[in-house]
Amino acid sequence: MLSFKPKELTTGKLHGYLLSAVAPRPIAFASTIDAAGNPNLSPFSFFNVFSANPPILIFSPARRVRDNTTKHTLENVEATKEVVINVVNYDLVQQMSLSSTEYPKGVNEFEKAGLTMLASDLVKPFRVAESPIQLECKVNEIVKLGTEGGAGNLVICEVVKLHISEAVLNEDQSINQELLDLVARAGGNYYSRAKTGFFEIPKPLSTLGIGVDNLPDAIKNSTILTGNDLGMLGNVENLPEEKSIQAFKSEHNLSSLSTEIKHQKAKDFLSFNDVESAFKMLLS
């Protein structure tokens, strides 16, 4: 058995060990606004519920390991003392992953991920309409655990209003865990689905994906592609070139196919993580 003291490891190595060892972890899909009212949306897996009376959630936007900078979410909750925690189920996991892209300050991750902003009742940050459970919170306290890269910042939130979709409730109004179909985070690219166990999602591009907002309208408005499908498509740096699209069209004899069939075939490609072929099918 290998044994280490934390200081014998680089922060990055220690971070990887801890996240792989303590897993799966629930995901706080945190919606905030900055002092000027600009929306921000980002997921955090240092998260859990710690009290029912009062109802307290804690999540931790850690300082970035690579350069010791702070995240926009932390800056926003420091400025406004409000946040909405949206739970993540399997139906929106790809869009959640896309929203974790390090877009510049002021970019609206709701738009980039193709998610709907829903006005809250008691706080200013928006809710994620697609999330089956949304928790409006006031921030009671922020506890800084350090000043170096990787240091956590415990955002202690008090729930002031809950919103629960009837679609995930039993007849007695208790939550049906199978219908809720929660997703949790593990190490590396791994996630865990309550129903089926572990699966992988490639991390968002460090070069910044184009986002769902920049997809052609015919793709964004598809009645066949799901939010997860759109999240995968939004995590590309560029659309395929026209020359490669035409070559794909000729090779697969697509001229006679209807739009619906093309979208279904693209969905099949996405199920095998073949995003490039899916795009060529959709754009042919």
C-alpha atoms as a PDB file:
ATOM      1  CA  MET A   1       0.000   0.000   0.000  1.00  0.00           C
ATOM      2  CA  LEU A   2       1.268   3.469  -0.929  1.00  0.00           C
ATOM      3  CA  SER A   3       1.237   5.993   1.903  1.00  0.00           C
ATOM      4  CA  PHE A   4       1.697   9.763   1.714  1.00  0.00           C
ATOM      5  CA  LYS A   5       1.555  12.834   3.872  1.00  0.00           C
ATOM      6  CA  PRO A   6      -0.386  15.548   2.019  1.00  0.00           C
ATOM      7  CA  LYS A   7       2.609  17.880   1.865  1.00  0.00           C
ATOM      8  CA  GLU A   8       4.608  15.192   0.042  1.00  0.00           C
ATOM      9  CA  LEU A   9       2.267  15.512  -2.955  1.00  0.00           C
ATOM     10  CA  THR A  10       1.643  18.340  -5.385  1.00  0.00           C
ATOM     11  CA  THR A  11      -1.708  20.029  -4.878  1.00  0.00           C
ATOM     12  CA  GLY A  12      -2.905  18.695  -8.227  1.00  0.00           C
ATOM     13  CA  LYS A  13      -1.978  15.119  -7.343  1.00  0.00           C
ATOM     14  CA  LEU A  14      -3.576  15.380  -3.899  1.00  0.00           C
ATOM     15  CA  HIS A  15      -6.686  16.935  -5.440  1.00  0.00           C
ATOM     16  CA  GLY A  16      -7.015  14.007  -7.843  1.00  0.00           C
ATOM     17  CA  TYR A  17      -6.596  11.412  -5.118  1.00  0.00           C
ATOM     18  CA  LEU A  18      -9.179  13.057  -2.846  1.00  0.00           C
ATOM     19  CA  LEU A  19     -11.793  13.482  -5.570  1.00  0.00           C
ATOM     20  CA  SER A  20     -11.404   9.876  -6.708  1.00  0.00           C
ATOM     21  CA  ALA A  21     -11.404   8.524  -3.154  1.00  0.00           C
ATOM     22  CA  VAL A  22     -14.381  10.493  -1.833  1.00  0.00           C
ATOM     23  CA  ALA A  23     -16.985   9.681  -4.467  1.00  0.00           C
ATOM     24  CA  PRO A  24     -19.635   9.887  -5.704  1.00  0.00           C
ATOM     25  CA  ARG A  25     -20.462  13.404  -4.537  1.00  0.00           C
ATOM     26  CA  PRO A  26     -23.737  15.298  -5.109  1.00  0.00           C
ATOM     27  CA  ILE A  27     -23.612  18.277  -7.457  1.00  0.00           C
ATOM     28  CA  ALA A  28     -24.648  21.810  -6.565  1.00  0.00           C
ATOM     29  CA  PHE A  29     -25.625  23.543  -9.809  1.00  0.00           C
ATOM     30  CA  ALA A  30     -25.191  27.052  -8.420  1.00  0.00           C
ATOM     31  CA  SER A  31     -26.879  30.031 -10.028  1.00  0.00           C
ATOM     32  CA  THR A  32     -25.686  33.479  -8.949  1.00  0.00           C
ATOM     33  CA  ILE A  33     -25.623  37.050 -10.201  1.00  0.00           C
ATOM     34  CA  ASP A  34     -22.861  39.628  -9.913  1.00  0.00           C
ATOM     35  CA  ALA A  35     -23.260  43.116  -8.448  1.00  0.00           C
ATOM     36  CA  ALA A  36     -24.399  44.400 -11.861  1.00  0.00           C
ATOM     37  CA  GLY A  37     -27.052  41.690 -12.190  1.00  0.00           C
ATOM     38  CA  ASN A  38     -25.266  39.498 -14.755  1.00  0.00           C
ATOM     39  CA  PRO A  39     -26.265  35.790 -14.411  1.00  0.00           C
ATOM     40  CA  ASN A  40     -23.711  33.049 -13.753  1.00  0.00           C
ATOM     41  CA  LEU A  41     -24.174  29.279 -13.585  1.00  0.00           C
ATOM     42  CA  SER A  42     -21.605  26.693 -12.496  1.00  0.00           C
ATOM     43  CA  PRO A  43     -21.526  23.190 -10.938  1.00  0.00           C
ATOM     44  CA  PHE A  44     -19.699  22.263  -7.722  1.00  0.00           C
ATOM     45  CA  SER A  45     -19.258  18.798  -6.242  1.00  0.00           C
ATOM     46  CA  PHE A  46     -17.918  19.912  -2.855  1.00  0.00           C
ATOM     47  CA  PHE A  47     -21.519  20.013  -1.662  1.00  0.00           C
ATOM     48  CA  ASN A  48     -24.066  18.536   0.740  1.00  0.00           C
ATOM     49  CA  VAL A  49     -26.959  19.239   3.141  1.00  0.00           C
ATOM     50  CA  PHE A  50     -25.969  19.720   6.783  1.00  0.00           C
ATOM     51  CA  SER A  51     -29.094  20.721   8.693  1.00  0.00           C
ATOM     52  CA  ALA A  52     -32.892  20.613   8.390  1.00  0.00           C
ATOM     53  CA  ASN A  53     -33.765  23.112  11.121  1.00  0.00           C
ATOM     54  CA  PRO A  54     -32.536  25.541   9.984  1.00  0.00           C
ATOM     55  CA  PRO A  55     -32.275  24.107   6.415  1.00  0.00           C
ATOM     56  CA  ILE A  56     -28.577  24.503   5.610  1.00  0.00           C
ATOM     57  CA  LEU A  57     -26.643  23.570   2.472  1.00  0.00           C
ATOM     58  CA  ILE A  58     -22.892  24.045   2.078  1.00  0.00           C
ATOM     59  CA  PHE A  59     -20.941  24.107  -1.160  1.00  0.00           C
ATOM     60  CA  SER A  60     -17.346  25.087  -1.782  1.00  0.00           C
ATOM     61  CA  PRO A  61     -16.028  26.982  -4.828  1.00  0.00           C
ATOM     62  CA  ALA A  62     -12.342  26.193  -4.300  1.00  0.00           C
ATOM     63  CA  ARG A  63      -9.518  28.405  -5.488  1.00  0.00           C
ATOM     64  CA  ARG A  64      -8.197  27.143  -8.822  1.00  0.00           C
ATOM     65  CA  VAL A  65      -5.253  24.776  -8.377  1.00  0.00           C
ATOM     66  CA  ARG A  66      -3.461  25.869 -11.540  1.00  0.00           C
ATOM     67  CA  ASP A  67      -3.214  29.612 -10.876  1.00  0.00           C
ATOM     68  CA  ASN A  68      -4.783  30.298  -7.442  1.00  0.00           C
ATOM     69  CA  THR A  69      -7.559  32.471  -8.874  1.00  0.00           C
ATOM     70  CA  THR A  70     -11.118  32.549  -7.522  1.00  0.00           C
ATOM     71  CA  LYS A  71     -14.256  31.550  -9.391  1.00  0.00           C
ATOM     72  CA  HIS A  72     -16.991  33.916 -10.479  1.00  0.00           C
ATOM     73  CA  THR A  73     -19.506  32.091  -8.266  1.00  0.00           C
ATOM     74  CA  LEU A  74     -17.476  32.886  -5.145  1.00  0.00           C
ATOM     75  CA  GLU A  75     -17.108  36.526  -6.139  1.00  0.00           C
ATOM     76  CA  ASN A  76     -20.855  36.743  -6.780  1.00  0.00           C
ATOM     77  CA  VAL A  77     -21.995  35.222  -3.476  1.00  0.00           C
ATOM     78  CA  GLU A  78     -19.565  37.496  -1.644  1.00  0.00           C
ATOM     79  CA  ALA A  79     -21.166  40.484  -3.376  1.00  0.00           C
ATOM     80  CA  THR A  80     -24.862  39.548  -3.235  1.00  0.00           C
ATOM     81  CA  LYS A  81     -25.195  36.902  -0.468  1.00  0.00           C
ATOM     82  CA  GLU A  82     -27.724  34.944  -2.569  1.00  0.00           C
ATOM     83  CA  VAL A  83     -27.623  31.727  -4.619  1.00  0.00           C
ATOM     84  CA  VAL A  84     -29.957  29.127  -6.109  1.00  0.00           C
ATOM     85  CA  ILE A  85     -28.868  25.491  -5.829  1.00  0.00           C
ATOM     86  CA  ASN A  86     -30.369  23.419  -8.659  1.00  0.00           C
ATOM     87  CA  VAL A  87     -30.094  19.626  -8.488  1.00  0.00           C
ATOM     88  CA  VAL A  88     -28.641  17.773 -11.478  1.00  0.00           C
ATOM     89  CA  ASN A  89     -30.434  14.765 -12.937  1.00  0.00           C
ATOM     90  CA  TYR A  90     -29.380  12.663 -15.897  1.00  0.00           C
ATOM     91  CA  ASP A  91     -31.483  14.628 -18.392  1.00  0.00           C
ATOM     92  CA  LEU A  92     -29.318  17.747 -18.054  1.00  0.00           C
ATOM     93  CA  VAL A  93     -25.905  16.299 -17.157  1.00  0.00           C
ATOM     94  CA  GLN A  94     -24.255  17.189 -20.491  1.00  0.00           C
ATOM     95  CA  GLN A  95     -25.496  20.770 -20.282  1.00  0.00           C
ATOM     96  CA  MET A  96     -24.294  20.964 -16.686  1.00  0.00           C
ATOM     97  CA  SER A  97     -20.850  19.773 -17.801  1.00  0.00           C
ATOM     98  CA  LEU A  98     -20.743  22.340 -20.615  1.00  0.00           C
ATOM     99  CA  SER A  99     -21.585  25.130 -18.166  1.00  0.00           C
ATOM    100  CA  SER A 100     -18.402  24.338 -16.213  1.00  0.00           C
ATOM    101  CA  THR A 101     -16.355  25.728 -19.118  1.00  0.00           C
ATOM    102  CA  GLU A 102     -14.157  28.633 -18.000  1.00  0.00           C
ATOM    103  CA  TYR A 103     -15.982  31.301 -19.979  1.00  0.00           C
ATOM    104  CA  PRO A 104     -14.922  34.923 -19.374  1.00  0.00           C
ATOM    105  CA  LYS A 105     -16.645  36.963 -16.666  1.00  0.00           C
ATOM    106  CA  GLY A 106     -19.995  38.291 -17.849  1.00  0.00           C
ATOM    107  CA  VAL A 107     -20.737  35.397 -20.211  1.00  0.00           C
ATOM    108  CA  ASN A 108     -24.139  33.866 -19.450  1.00  0.00           C
ATOM    109  CA  GLU A 109     -23.662  30.111 -18.908  1.00  0.00           C
ATOM    110  CA  PHE A 110     -27.440  29.595 -19.093  1.00  0.00           C
ATOM    111  CA  GLU A 111     -27.251  30.610 -22.747  1.00  0.00           C
ATOM    112  CA  LYS A 112     -24.043  28.697 -23.453  1.00  0.00           C
ATOM    113  CA  ALA A 113     -25.529  25.499 -22.006  1.00  0.00           C
ATOM    114  CA  GLY A 114     -28.943  26.003 -23.601  1.00  0.00           C
ATOM    115  CA  LEU A 115     -30.746  26.154 -20.263  1.00  0.00           C
ATOM    116  CA  THR A 116     -33.739  28.290 -19.333  1.00  0.00           C
ATOM    117  CA  MET A 117     -33.553  31.104 -16.773  1.00  0.00           C
ATOM    118  CA  LEU A 118     -36.552  31.046 -14.436  1.00  0.00           C
ATOM    119  CA  ALA A 119     -37.170  33.956 -12.071  1.00  0.00           C
ATOM    120  CA  SER A 120     -36.899  33.121  -8.382  1.00  0.00           C
ATOM    121  CA  ASP A 121     -39.466  34.224  -5.819  1.00  0.00           C
ATOM    122  CA  LEU A 122     -37.341  35.369  -2.876  1.00  0.00           C
ATOM    123  CA  VAL A 123     -33.799  35.826  -4.256  1.00  0.00           C
ATOM    124  CA  LYS A 124     -32.373  37.575  -7.330  1.00  0.00           C
ATOM    125  CA  PRO A 125     -30.417  34.707  -8.995  1.00  0.00           C
ATOM    126  CA  PHE A 126     -32.379  32.738 -11.575  1.00  0.00           C
ATOM    127  CA  ARG A 127     -33.413  29.108 -11.249  1.00  0.00           C
ATOM    128  CA  VAL A 128     -32.626  26.446 -13.872  1.00  0.00           C
ATOM    129  CA  ALA A 129     -36.080  25.644 -15.260  1.00  0.00           C
ATOM    130  CA  GLU A 130     -34.949  22.193 -16.436  1.00  0.00           C
ATOM    131  CA  SER A 131     -33.793  21.145 -12.964  1.00  0.00           C
ATOM    132  CA  PRO A 132     -36.419  19.046 -11.131  1.00  0.00           C
ATOM    133  CA  ILE A 133     -35.596  20.594  -7.738  1.00  0.00           C
ATOM    134  CA  GLN A 134     -34.502  24.203  -7.169  1.00  0.00           C
ATOM    135  CA  LEU A 135     -33.503  25.643  -3.795  1.00  0.00           C
ATOM    136  CA  GLU A 136     -33.506  29.401  -3.297  1.00  0.00           C
ATOM    137  CA  CYS A 137     -30.921  30.319  -0.659  1.00  0.00           C
ATOM    138  CA  LYS A 138     -29.574  33.215   1.353  1.00  0.00           C
ATOM    139  CA  VAL A 139     -25.860  33.033   2.157  1.00  0.00           C
ATOM    140  CA  ASN A 140     -25.326  33.118   5.930  1.00  0.00           C
ATOM    141  CA  GLU A 141     -21.546  32.891   5.978  1.00  0.00           C
ATOM    142  CA  ILE A 142     -18.490  32.200   3.815  1.00  0.00           C
ATOM    143  CA  VAL A 143     -15.622  30.401   5.524  1.00  0.00           C
ATOM    144  CA  LYS A 144     -12.287  30.669   3.717  1.00  0.00           C
ATOM    145  CA  LEU A 145     -10.148  27.580   4.341  1.00  0.00           C
ATOM    146  CA  GLY A 146      -6.897  28.940   2.925  1.00  0.00           C
ATOM    147  CA  THR A 147      -5.248  31.320   0.518  1.00  0.00           C
ATOM    148  CA  GLU A 148      -3.390  28.934  -1.803  1.00  0.00           C
ATOM    149  CA  GLY A 149      -4.572  27.152  -4.949  1.00  0.00           C
ATOM    150  CA  GLY A 150      -6.966  24.332  -4.077  1.00  0.00           C
ATOM    151  CA  ALA A 151      -8.204  25.978  -0.865  1.00  0.00           C
ATOM    152  CA  GLY A 152     -11.947  25.704  -0.339  1.00  0.00           C
ATOM    153  CA  ASN A 153     -14.439  28.419   0.535  1.00  0.00           C
ATOM    154  CA  LEU A 154     -17.422  27.068   2.457  1.00  0.00           C
ATOM    155  CA  VAL A 155     -20.543  28.901   1.326  1.00  0.00           C
ATOM    156  CA  ILE A 156     -23.065  28.252   4.094  1.00  0.00           C
ATOM    157  CA  CYS A 157     -26.547  28.723   2.619  1.00  0.00           C
ATOM    158  CA  GLU A 158     -29.970  28.755   4.229  1.00  0.00           C
ATOM    159  CA  VAL A 159     -32.833  27.512   2.069  1.00  0.00           C
ATOM    160  CA  VAL A 160     -35.634  30.079   1.965  1.00  0.00           C
ATOM    161  CA  LYS A 161     -37.833  28.398  -0.665  1.00  0.00           C
ATOM    162  CA  LEU A 162     -37.985  24.970  -2.355  1.00  0.00           C
ATOM    163  CA  HIS A 163     -39.391  24.191  -5.790  1.00  0.00           C
ATOM    164  CA  ILE A 164     -40.034  20.503  -6.625  1.00  0.00           C
ATOM    165  CA  SER A 165     -41.381  19.194  -9.920  1.00  0.00           C
ATOM    166  CA  GLU A 166     -44.517  17.066  -9.561  1.00  0.00           C
ATOM    167  CA  ALA A 167     -42.943  14.698 -12.111  1.00  0.00           C
ATOM    168  CA  VAL A 168     -40.534  13.348  -9.458  1.00  0.00           C
ATOM    169  CA  LEU A 169     -43.082  12.956  -6.641  1.00  0.00           C
ATOM    170  CA  ASN A 170     -44.956   9.939  -5.339  1.00  0.00           C
ATOM    171  CA  GLU A 171     -48.673  10.114  -4.592  1.00  0.00           C
ATOM    172  CA  ASP A 172     -47.925  11.101  -0.996  1.00  0.00           C
ATOM    173  CA  GLN A 173     -45.718  13.972  -2.316  1.00  0.00           C
ATOM    174  CA  SER A 174     -42.473  12.313  -1.173  1.00  0.00           C
ATOM    175  CA  ILE A 175     -39.622  12.358  -3.696  1.00  0.00           C
ATOM    176  CA  ASN A 176     -39.272   9.259  -5.864  1.00  0.00           C
ATOM    177  CA  GLN A 177     -35.499   8.722  -6.140  1.00  0.00           C
ATOM    178  CA  GLU A 178     -35.798   6.658  -9.326  1.00  0.00           C
ATOM    179  CA  LEU A 179     -37.881   9.303 -11.054  1.00  0.00           C
ATOM    180  CA  LEU A 180     -35.498  12.007  -9.840  1.00  0.00           C
ATOM    181  CA  ASP A 181     -32.582  10.114 -11.460  1.00  0.00           C
ATOM    182  CA  LEU A 182     -29.827  12.123  -9.771  1.00  0.00           C
ATOM    183  CA  VAL A 183     -26.269  12.316 -11.054  1.00  0.00           C
ATOM    184  CA  ALA A 184     -23.173  12.558  -8.822  1.00  0.00           C
ATOM    185  CA  ARG A 185     -19.519  13.433  -9.461  1.00  0.00           C
ATOM    186  CA  ALA A 186     -16.499  11.175  -9.046  1.00  0.00           C
ATOM    187  CA  GLY A 187     -12.813  11.478 -10.014  1.00  0.00           C
ATOM    188  CA  GLY A 188     -11.456  12.332 -13.465  1.00  0.00           C
ATOM    189  CA  ASN A 189     -14.181  12.289 -16.106  1.00  0.00           C
ATOM    190  CA  TYR A 190     -16.385   9.934 -14.094  1.00  0.00           C
ATOM    191  CA  TYR A 191     -19.925  10.548 -12.911  1.00  0.00           C
ATOM    192  CA  SER A 192     -22.395   8.218 -11.226  1.00  0.00           C
ATOM    193  CA  ARG A 193     -26.060   7.847 -12.130  1.00  0.00           C
ATOM    194  CA  ALA A 194     -28.363   6.701  -9.348  1.00  0.00           C
ATOM    195  CA  LYS A 195     -30.004   4.142 -11.651  1.00  0.00           C
ATOM    196  CA  THR A 196     -27.025   2.583 -13.397  1.00  0.00           C
ATOM    197  CA  GLY A 197     -23.715   3.528 -11.759  1.00  0.00           C
ATOM    198  CA  PHE A 198     -20.610   5.106 -13.286  1.00  0.00           C
ATOM    199  CA  PHE A 199     -20.230   6.705 -16.731  1.00  0.00           C
ATOM    200  CA  GLU A 200     -17.782   9.180 -18.312  1.00  0.00           C
ATOM    201  CA  ILE A 201     -18.171  12.689 -19.736  1.00  0.00           C
ATOM    202  CA  PRO A 202     -15.158  14.365 -21.405  1.00  0.00           C
ATOM    203  CA  LYS A 203     -14.245  17.615 -19.665  1.00  0.00           C
ATOM    204  CA  PRO A 204     -15.282  20.844 -21.467  1.00  0.00           C
ATOM    205  CA  LEU A 205     -12.732  22.253 -23.890  1.00  0.00           C
ATOM    206  CA  SER A 206     -10.119  24.503 -22.322  1.00  0.00           C
ATOM    207  CA  THR A 207     -10.205  26.434 -25.617  1.00  0.00           C
ATOM    208  CA  LEU A 208     -13.918  27.148 -24.984  1.00  0.00           C
ATOM    209  CA  GLY A 209     -16.743  25.341 -26.739  1.00  0.00           C
ATOM    210  CA  ILE A 210     -19.037  27.371 -28.974  1.00  0.00           C
ATOM    211  CA  GLY A 211     -21.974  26.768 -26.615  1.00  0.00           C
ATOM    212  CA  VAL A 212     -25.544  25.768 -27.344  1.00  0.00           C
ATOM    213  CA  ASP A 213     -26.389  29.415 -28.040  1.00  0.00           C
ATOM    214  CA  ASN A 214     -24.192  29.355 -31.162  1.00  0.00           C
ATOM    215  CA  LEU A 215     -25.689  26.199 -32.673  1.00  0.00           C
ATOM    216  CA  PRO A 216     -27.815  26.680 -35.827  1.00  0.00           C
ATOM    217  CA  ASP A 217     -31.495  27.227 -35.015  1.00  0.00           C
ATOM    218  CA  ALA A 218     -32.506  24.026 -36.808  1.00  0.00           C
ATOM    219  CA  ILE A 219     -30.357  22.079 -34.334  1.00  0.00           C
ATOM    220  CA  LYS A 220     -31.310  24.064 -31.229  1.00  0.00           C
ATOM    221  CA  ASN A 221     -35.006  23.688 -32.022  1.00  0.00           C
ATOM    222  CA  SER A 222     -34.869  19.982 -32.887  1.00  0.00           C
ATOM    223  CA  THR A 223     -37.756  17.915 -31.554  1.00  0.00           C
ATOM    224  CA  ILE A 224     -35.522  14.834 -31.506  1.00  0.00           C
ATOM    225  CA  LEU A 225     -32.285  15.998 -29.897  1.00  0.00           C
ATOM    226  CA  THR A 226     -32.304  16.240 -26.087  1.00  0.00           C
ATOM    227  CA  GLY A 227     -30.627  18.771 -23.815  1.00  0.00           C
ATOM    228  CA  ASN A 228     -27.828  16.269 -23.262  1.00  0.00           C
ATOM    229  CA  ASP A 229     -27.369  15.996 -27.033  1.00  0.00           C
ATOM    230  CA  LEU A 230     -27.196  19.785 -27.381  1.00  0.00           C
ATOM    231  CA  GLY A 231     -24.701  19.950 -24.511  1.00  0.00           C
ATOM    232  CA  MET A 232     -22.379  17.578 -26.358  1.00  0.00           C
ATOM    233  CA  LEU A 233     -22.718  19.547 -29.589  1.00  0.00           C
ATOM    234  CA  GLY A 234     -22.008  22.825 -27.799  1.00  0.00           C
ATOM    235  CA  ASN A 235     -18.690  21.507 -26.510  1.00  0.00           C
ATOM    236  CA  VAL A 236     -16.815  21.931 -29.803  1.00  0.00           C
ATOM    237  CA  GLU A 237     -14.434  24.694 -30.779  1.00  0.00           C
ATOM    238  CA  ASN A 238     -15.666  25.023 -34.381  1.00  0.00           C
ATOM    239  CA  LEU A 239     -18.337  23.650 -36.693  1.00  0.00           C
ATOM    240  CA  PRO A 240     -17.143  21.241 -39.418  1.00  0.00           C
ATOM    241  CA  GLU A 241     -15.989  22.823 -42.680  1.00  0.00           C
ATOM    242  CA  GLU A 242     -18.418  22.799 -45.607  1.00  0.00           C
ATOM    243  CA  LYS A 243     -16.058  20.655 -47.699  1.00  0.00           C
ATOM    244  CA  SER A 244     -16.045  17.867 -45.103  1.00  0.00           C
ATOM    245  CA  ILE A 245     -19.838  18.093 -44.715  1.00  0.00           C
ATOM    246  CA  GLN A 246     -20.364  17.640 -48.451  1.00  0.00           C
ATOM    247  CA  ALA A 247     -17.940  14.704 -48.548  1.00  0.00           C
ATOM    248  CA  PHE A 248     -19.829  13.070 -45.649  1.00  0.00           C
ATOM    249  CA  LYS A 249     -23.142  13.712 -47.427  1.00  0.00           C
ATOM    250  CA  SER A 250     -21.930  12.049 -50.630  1.00  0.00           C
ATOM    251  CA  GLU A 251     -20.289   9.138 -48.838  1.00  0.00           C
ATOM    252  CA  HIS A 252     -23.452   8.283 -46.900  1.00  0.00           C
ATOM    253  CA  ASN A 253     -25.960   9.144 -49.685  1.00  0.00           C
ATOM    254  CA  LEU A 254     -27.951  11.529 -47.488  1.00  0.00           C
ATOM    255  CA  SER A 255     -29.743  13.584 -50.148  1.00  0.00           C
ATOM    256  CA  SER A 256     -33.018  11.690 -49.857  1.00  0.00           C
ATOM    257  CA  LEU A 257     -33.194  11.607 -46.061  1.00  0.00           C
ATOM    258  CA  SER A 258     -35.711  13.752 -44.199  1.00  0.00           C
ATOM    259  CA  THR A 259     -34.639  16.168 -41.482  1.00  0.00           C
ATOM    260  CA  GLU A 260     -36.204  13.934 -38.820  1.00  0.00           C
ATOM    261  CA  ILE A 261     -34.215  10.906 -39.947  1.00  0.00           C
ATOM    262  CA  LYS A 262     -30.983  12.926 -40.077  1.00  0.00           C
ATOM    263  CA  HIS A 263     -31.568  14.153 -36.538  1.00  0.00           C
ATOM    264  CA  GLN A 264     -32.252  10.615 -35.329  1.00  0.00           C
ATOM    265  CA  LYS A 265     -29.080   9.332 -37.003  1.00  0.00           C
ATOM    266  CA  ALA A 266     -27.139  12.235 -35.454  1.00  0.00           C
ATOM    267  CA  LYS A 267     -28.552  11.255 -32.071  1.00  0.00           C
ATOM    268  CA  ASP A 268     -27.271   7.720 -32.671  1.00  0.00           C
ATOM    269  CA  PHE A 269     -23.784   9.069 -33.421  1.00  0.00           C
ATOM    270  CA  LEU A 270     -23.890  11.082 -30.192  1.00  0.00           C
ATOM    271  CA  SER A 271     -24.751   7.956 -28.220  1.00  0.00           C
ATOM    272  CA  PHE A 272     -21.299   6.678 -29.245  1.00  0.00           C
ATOM    273  CA  ASN A 273     -19.647  10.078 -28.492  1.00  0.00           C
ATOM    274  CA  ASP A 274     -19.045  10.653 -32.227  1.00  0.00           C
ATOM    275  CA  VAL A 275     -19.782  14.379 -32.157  1.00  0.00           C
ATOM    276  CA  GLU A 276     -18.057  15.140 -35.486  1.00  0.00           C
ATOM    277  CA  SER A 277     -20.197  12.681 -37.455  1.00  0.00           C
ATOM    278  CA  ALA A 278     -23.314  13.918 -35.672  1.00  0.00           C
ATOM    279  CA  PHE A 279     -22.561  17.480 -36.754  1.00  0.00           C
ATOM    280  CA  LYS A 280     -21.918  16.455 -40.348  1.00  0.00           C
ATOM    281  CA  MET A 281     -25.192  14.546 -40.383  1.00  0.00           C
ATOM    282  CA  LEU A 282     -27.099  17.520 -38.965  1.00  0.00           C
ATOM    283  CA  LEU A 283     -25.511  20.056 -41.306  1.00  0.00           C
ATOM    284  CA  SER A 284     -25.724  17.944 -44.463  1.00  0.00           C
END
